[in-house]
Amino acid sequence: MLEGHVLRGLPAPCFIKIADSAYACNDTVAELSFEHAGTFQVTVEAWPYLNKEFTVENPPL
């Protein structure tokens, strides 16, 4: 579940993919942060579960 920039209820362990980068996550909660403003596609991968995609808006400051 995505709440703002926080992913909750993640299967642990999993990978969080943003663009061409993958980040290992060993917790059920992950806070997302971005260096630039824009719209980002975020994918959570945790085999054998199906991938879940989210669209995250990061507005300019």
PDB file of N, CA and C in Angstrom:
ATOM      1  N   MET A   1       0.844  -1.157   0.000  1.00  0.00           N
ATOM      2  CA  MET A   1       0.000   0.000   0.000  1.00  0.00           C
ATOM      3  C   MET A   1       0.903   1.238   0.000  1.00  0.00           C
ATOM      4  N   LEU A   2       0.555   2.211  -0.817  1.00  0.00           N
ATOM      5  CA  LEU A   2       1.326   3.448  -0.895  1.00  0.00           C
ATOM      6  C   LEU A   2       0.566   4.554  -0.190  1.00  0.00           C
ATOM      7  N   GLU A   3       1.218   5.192   0.775  1.00  0.00           N
ATOM      8  CA  GLU A   3       0.662   6.335   1.504  1.00  0.00           C
ATOM      9  C   GLU A   3       1.647   7.487   1.376  1.00  0.00           C
ATOM     10  N   GLY A   4       1.365   8.418   0.474  1.00  0.00           N
ATOM     11  CA  GLY A   4       2.313   9.506   0.231  1.00  0.00           C
ATOM     12  C   GLY A   4       3.569   8.953  -0.416  1.00  0.00           C
ATOM     13  N   HIS A   5       4.683   9.021   0.304  1.00  0.00           N
ATOM     14  CA  HIS A   5       5.949   8.453  -0.172  1.00  0.00           C
ATOM     15  C   HIS A   5       6.376   7.261   0.673  1.00  0.00           C
ATOM     16  N   VAL A   6       5.425   6.607   1.338  1.00  0.00           N
ATOM     17  CA  VAL A   6       5.733   5.461   2.194  1.00  0.00           C
ATOM     18  C   VAL A   6       5.014   4.223   1.669  1.00  0.00           C
ATOM     19  N   LEU A   7       5.790   3.165   1.426  1.00  0.00           N
ATOM     20  CA  LEU A   7       5.224   1.869   1.062  1.00  0.00           C
ATOM     21  C   LEU A   7       5.074   1.052   2.335  1.00  0.00           C
ATOM     22  N   ARG A   8       3.875   0.523   2.575  1.00  0.00           N
ATOM     23  CA  ARG A   8       3.605  -0.288   3.766  1.00  0.00           C
ATOM     24  C   ARG A   8       3.088  -1.658   3.346  1.00  0.00           C
ATOM     25  N   GLY A   9       3.257  -2.631   4.227  1.00  0.00           N
ATOM     26  CA  GLY A   9       2.767  -3.976   3.953  1.00  0.00           C
ATOM     27  C   GLY A   9       3.583  -4.707   2.908  1.00  0.00           C
ATOM     28  N   LEU A  10       4.857  -4.377   2.821  1.00  0.00           N
ATOM     29  CA  LEU A  10       5.730  -5.024   1.845  1.00  0.00           C
ATOM     30  C   LEU A  10       6.059  -6.450   2.276  1.00  0.00           C
ATOM     31  N   PRO A  11       6.189  -7.360   1.310  1.00  0.00           N
ATOM     32  CA  PRO A  11       6.688  -8.689   1.657  1.00  0.00           C
ATOM     33  C   PRO A  11       8.192  -8.586   1.903  1.00  0.00           C
ATOM     34  N   ALA A  12       8.652  -9.140   2.992  1.00  0.00           N
ATOM     35  CA  ALA A  12      10.086  -9.053   3.305  1.00  0.00           C
ATOM     36  C   ALA A  12      10.716 -10.426   3.111  1.00  0.00           C
ATOM     37  N   PRO A  13      11.793 -10.507   2.376  1.00  0.00           N
ATOM     38  CA  PRO A  13      12.503  -9.433   1.670  1.00  0.00           C
ATOM     39  C   PRO A  13      11.861  -9.166   0.305  1.00  0.00           C
ATOM     40  N   CYS A  14      12.205  -8.011  -0.253  1.00  0.00           N
ATOM     41  CA  CYS A  14      11.733  -7.660  -1.592  1.00  0.00           C
ATOM     42  C   CYS A  14      12.734  -6.700  -2.226  1.00  0.00           C
ATOM     43  N   PHE A  15      12.503  -6.388  -3.488  1.00  0.00           N
ATOM     44  CA  PHE A  15      13.284  -5.375  -4.189  1.00  0.00           C
ATOM     45  C   PHE A  15      12.335  -4.271  -4.618  1.00  0.00           C
ATOM     46  N   ILE A  16      12.782  -3.038  -4.477  1.00  0.00           N
ATOM     47  CA  ILE A  16      12.024  -1.880  -4.931  1.00  0.00           C
ATOM     48  C   ILE A  16      12.784  -1.299  -6.112  1.00  0.00           C
ATOM     49  N   LYS A  17      12.150  -1.295  -7.274  1.00  0.00           N
ATOM     50  CA  LYS A  17      12.792  -0.805  -8.489  1.00  0.00           C
ATOM     51  C   LYS A  17      12.233   0.560  -8.857  1.00  0.00           C
ATOM     52  N   ILE A  18      13.151   1.483  -9.089  1.00  0.00           N
ATOM     53  CA  ILE A  18      12.813   2.829  -9.544  1.00  0.00           C
ATOM     54  C   ILE A  18      13.710   3.106 -10.741  1.00  0.00           C
ATOM     55  N   ALA A  19      13.102   3.298 -11.901  1.00  0.00           N
ATOM     56  CA  ALA A  19      13.839   3.467 -13.155  1.00  0.00           C
ATOM     57  C   ALA A  19      14.738   2.250 -13.358  1.00  0.00           C
ATOM     58  N   ASP A  20      16.037   2.448 -13.513  1.00  0.00           N
ATOM     59  CA  ASP A  20      16.960   1.340 -13.766  1.00  0.00           C
ATOM     60  C   ASP A  20      17.664   0.858 -12.512  1.00  0.00           C
ATOM     61  N   SER A  21      17.244   1.313 -11.350  1.00  0.00           N
ATOM     62  CA  SER A  21      17.903   0.941 -10.094  1.00  0.00           C
ATOM     63  C   SER A  21      16.998   0.050  -9.256  1.00  0.00           C
ATOM     64  N   ALA A  22      17.607  -0.948  -8.601  1.00  0.00           N
ATOM     65  CA  ALA A  22      16.872  -1.844  -7.706  1.00  0.00           C
ATOM     66  C   ALA A  22      17.468  -1.723  -6.308  1.00  0.00           C
ATOM     67  N   TYR A  23      16.600  -1.636  -5.317  1.00  0.00           N
ATOM     68  CA  TYR A  23      17.020  -1.471  -3.929  1.00  0.00           C
ATOM     69  C   TYR A  23      16.464  -2.622  -3.103  1.00  0.00           C
ATOM     70  N   ALA A  24      17.333  -3.319  -2.389  1.00  0.00           N
ATOM     71  CA  ALA A  24      16.891  -4.412  -1.525  1.00  0.00           C
ATOM     72  C   ALA A  24      16.185  -3.833  -0.307  1.00  0.00           C
ATOM     73  N   CYS A  25      15.095  -4.465   0.086  1.00  0.00           N
ATOM     74  CA  CYS A  25      14.340  -4.035   1.261  1.00  0.00           C
ATOM     75  C   CYS A  25      14.046  -5.260   2.115  1.00  0.00           C
ATOM     76  N   ASN A  26      14.467  -5.224   3.365  1.00  0.00           N
ATOM     77  CA  ASN A  26      14.253  -6.339   4.282  1.00  0.00           C
ATOM     78  C   ASN A  26      13.224  -6.021   5.350  1.00  0.00           C
ATOM     79  N   ASP A  27      12.459  -4.967   5.139  1.00  0.00           N
ATOM     80  CA  ASP A  27      11.450  -4.534   6.109  1.00  0.00           C
ATOM     81  C   ASP A  27      10.091  -4.513   5.421  1.00  0.00           C
ATOM     82  N   THR A  28       9.032  -4.352   6.195  1.00  0.00           N
ATOM     83  CA  THR A  28       7.686  -4.291   5.626  1.00  0.00           C
ATOM     84  C   THR A  28       7.261  -2.862   5.312  1.00  0.00           C
ATOM     85  N   VAL A  29       8.124  -1.890   5.636  1.00  0.00           N
ATOM     86  CA  VAL A  29       7.849  -0.475   5.380  1.00  0.00           C
ATOM     87  C   VAL A  29       9.078   0.147   4.721  1.00  0.00           C
ATOM     88  N   ALA A  30       8.851   0.984   3.701  1.00  0.00           N
ATOM     89  CA  ALA A  30       9.960   1.688   3.051  1.00  0.00           C
ATOM     90  C   ALA A  30       9.525   3.112   2.740  1.00  0.00           C
ATOM     91  N   GLU A  31      10.371   4.076   3.103  1.00  0.00           N
ATOM     92  CA  GLU A  31      10.105   5.475   2.787  1.00  0.00           C
ATOM     93  C   GLU A  31      10.873   5.832   1.522  1.00  0.00           C
ATOM     94  N   LEU A  32      10.162   6.353   0.540  1.00  0.00           N
ATOM     95  CA  LEU A  32      10.769   6.711  -0.739  1.00  0.00           C
ATOM     96  C   LEU A  32      11.198   8.168  -0.729  1.00  0.00           C
ATOM     97  N   SER A  33      12.365   8.442  -1.312  1.00  0.00           N
ATOM     98  CA  SER A  33      12.809   9.825  -1.472  1.00  0.00           C
ATOM     99  C   SER A  33      13.454   9.950  -2.852  1.00  0.00           C
ATOM    100  N   PHE A  34      13.303  11.112  -3.449  1.00  0.00           N
ATOM    101  CA  PHE A  34      13.781  11.352  -4.806  1.00  0.00           C
ATOM    102  C   PHE A  34      14.582  12.644  -4.838  1.00  0.00           C
ATOM    103  N   GLU A  35      15.636  12.670  -5.675  1.00  0.00           N
ATOM    104  CA  GLU A  35      16.476  13.857  -5.803  1.00  0.00           C
ATOM    105  C   GLU A  35      15.826  14.921  -6.674  1.00  0.00           C
ATOM    106  N   HIS A  36      14.949  14.502  -7.586  1.00  0.00           N
ATOM    107  CA  HIS A  36      14.372  15.428  -8.556  1.00  0.00           C
ATOM    108  C   HIS A  36      12.852  15.361  -8.517  1.00  0.00           C
ATOM    109  N   ALA A  37      12.229  16.441  -8.934  1.00  0.00           N
ATOM    110  CA  ALA A  37      10.769  16.461  -9.064  1.00  0.00           C
ATOM    111  C   ALA A  37      10.365  15.641 -10.282  1.00  0.00           C
ATOM    112  N   GLY A  38       9.158  15.104 -10.255  1.00  0.00           N
ATOM    113  CA  GLY A  38       8.658  14.363 -11.403  1.00  0.00           C
ATOM    114  C   GLY A  38       7.741  13.236 -10.994  1.00  0.00           C
ATOM    115  N   THR A  39       7.379  12.438 -11.976  1.00  0.00           N
ATOM    116  CA  THR A  39       6.534  11.269 -11.770  1.00  0.00           C
ATOM    117  C   THR A  39       7.396  10.032 -11.952  1.00  0.00           C
ATOM    118  N   PHE A  40       7.334   9.115 -11.008  1.00  0.00           N
ATOM    119  CA  PHE A  40       8.189   7.935 -11.014  1.00  0.00           C
ATOM    120  C   PHE A  40       7.348   6.665 -10.960  1.00  0.00           C
ATOM    121  N   GLN A  41       7.763   5.662 -11.744  1.00  0.00           N
ATOM    122  CA  GLN A  41       7.167   4.337 -11.669  1.00  0.00           C
ATOM    123  C   GLN A  41       7.990   3.531 -10.675  1.00  0.00           C
ATOM    124  N   VAL A  42       7.336   3.000  -9.664  1.00  0.00           N
ATOM    125  CA  VAL A  42       7.994   2.210  -8.623  1.00  0.00           C
ATOM    126  C   VAL A  42       7.407   0.805  -8.678  1.00  0.00           C
ATOM    127  N   THR A  43       8.281  -0.200  -8.748  1.00  0.00           N
ATOM    128  CA  THR A  43       7.837  -1.587  -8.804  1.00  0.00           C
ATOM    129  C   THR A  43       8.391  -2.342  -7.610  1.00  0.00           C
ATOM    130  N   VAL A  44       7.521  -3.094  -6.941  1.00  0.00           N
ATOM    131  CA  VAL A  44       7.938  -3.957  -5.838  1.00  0.00           C
ATOM    132  C   VAL A  44       7.969  -5.385  -6.372  1.00  0.00           C
ATOM    133  N   GLU A  45       9.125  -6.045  -6.228  1.00  0.00           N
ATOM    134  CA  GLU A  45       9.293  -7.425  -6.675  1.00  0.00           C
ATOM    135  C   GLU A  45       9.658  -8.299  -5.488  1.00  0.00           C
ATOM    136  N   ALA A  46       8.926  -9.399  -5.333  1.00  0.00           N
ATOM    137  CA  ALA A  46       9.200 -10.353  -4.248  1.00  0.00           C
ATOM    138  C   ALA A  46       8.709 -11.724  -4.692  1.00  0.00           C
ATOM    139  N   TRP A  47       9.579 -12.468  -5.331  1.00  0.00           N
ATOM    140  CA  TRP A  47       9.203 -13.790  -5.814  1.00  0.00           C
ATOM    141  C   TRP A  47       8.804 -14.665  -4.637  1.00  0.00           C
ATOM    142  N   PRO A  48       7.752 -15.421  -4.676  1.00  0.00           N
ATOM    143  CA  PRO A  48       6.916 -15.832  -5.812  1.00  0.00           C
ATOM    144  C   PRO A  48       5.679 -14.962  -6.017  1.00  0.00           C
ATOM    145  N   TYR A  49       5.600 -13.814  -5.352  1.00  0.00           N
ATOM    146  CA  TYR A  49       4.447 -12.927  -5.503  1.00  0.00           C
ATOM    147  C   TYR A  49       4.497 -12.206  -6.846  1.00  0.00           C
ATOM    148  N   LEU A  50       3.339 -11.750  -7.299  1.00  0.00           N
ATOM    149  CA  LEU A  50       3.282 -10.925  -8.503  1.00  0.00           C
ATOM    150  C   LEU A  50       3.871  -9.550  -8.211  1.00  0.00           C
ATOM    151  N   ASN A  51       4.468  -8.939  -9.221  1.00  0.00           N
ATOM    152  CA  ASN A  51       4.997  -7.583  -9.069  1.00  0.00           C
ATOM    153  C   ASN A  51       3.847  -6.600  -8.872  1.00  0.00           C
ATOM    154  N   LYS A  52       4.114  -5.545  -8.120  1.00  0.00           N
ATOM    155  CA  LYS A  52       3.127  -4.487  -7.900  1.00  0.00           C
ATOM    156  C   LYS A  52       3.755  -3.174  -8.326  1.00  0.00           C
ATOM    157  N   GLU A  53       3.051  -2.406  -9.154  1.00  0.00           N
ATOM    158  CA  GLU A  53       3.561  -1.126  -9.645  1.00  0.00           C
ATOM    159  C   GLU A  53       2.778   0.026  -9.041  1.00  0.00           C
ATOM    160  N   PHE A  54       3.504   1.093  -8.730  1.00  0.00           N
ATOM    161  CA  PHE A  54       2.922   2.312  -8.184  1.00  0.00           C
ATOM    162  C   PHE A  54       3.439   3.491  -8.990  1.00  0.00           C
ATOM    163  N   THR A  55       2.639   4.526  -9.100  1.00  0.00           N
ATOM    164  CA  THR A  55       3.073   5.789  -9.687  1.00  0.00           C
ATOM    165  C   THR A  55       3.194   6.789  -8.549  1.00  0.00           C
ATOM    166  N   VAL A  56       4.392   7.368  -8.405  1.00  0.00           N
ATOM    167  CA  VAL A  56       4.668   8.291  -7.304  1.00  0.00           C
ATOM    168  C   VAL A  56       4.961   9.673  -7.874  1.00  0.00           C
ATOM    169  N   GLU A  57       4.244  10.669  -7.392  1.00  0.00           N
ATOM    170  CA  GLU A  57       4.464  12.062  -7.789  1.00  0.00           C
ATOM    171  C   GLU A  57       5.394  12.716  -6.767  1.00  0.00           C
ATOM    172  N   ASN A  58       6.457  13.319  -7.260  1.00  0.00           N
ATOM    173  CA  ASN A  58       7.361  14.069  -6.400  1.00  0.00           C
ATOM    174  C   ASN A  58       7.339  15.522  -6.881  1.00  0.00           C
ATOM    175  N   PRO A  59       6.527  16.372  -6.231  1.00  0.00           N
ATOM    176  CA  PRO A  59       6.368  17.751  -6.707  1.00  0.00           C
ATOM    177  C   PRO A  59       7.625  18.589  -6.459  1.00  0.00           C
ATOM    178  N   PRO A  60       7.807  19.660  -7.234  1.00  0.00           N
ATOM    179  CA  PRO A  60       8.947  20.556  -6.995  1.00  0.00           C
ATOM    180  C   PRO A  60       8.794  21.250  -5.644  1.00  0.00           C
ATOM    181  N   LEU A  61       9.925  21.624  -5.065  1.00  0.00           N
ATOM    182  CA  LEU A  61       9.894  22.285  -3.749  1.00  0.00           C
ATOM    183  C   LEU A  61       9.385  23.684  -3.825  1.00  0.00           C
TER     184      LEU A  61
END
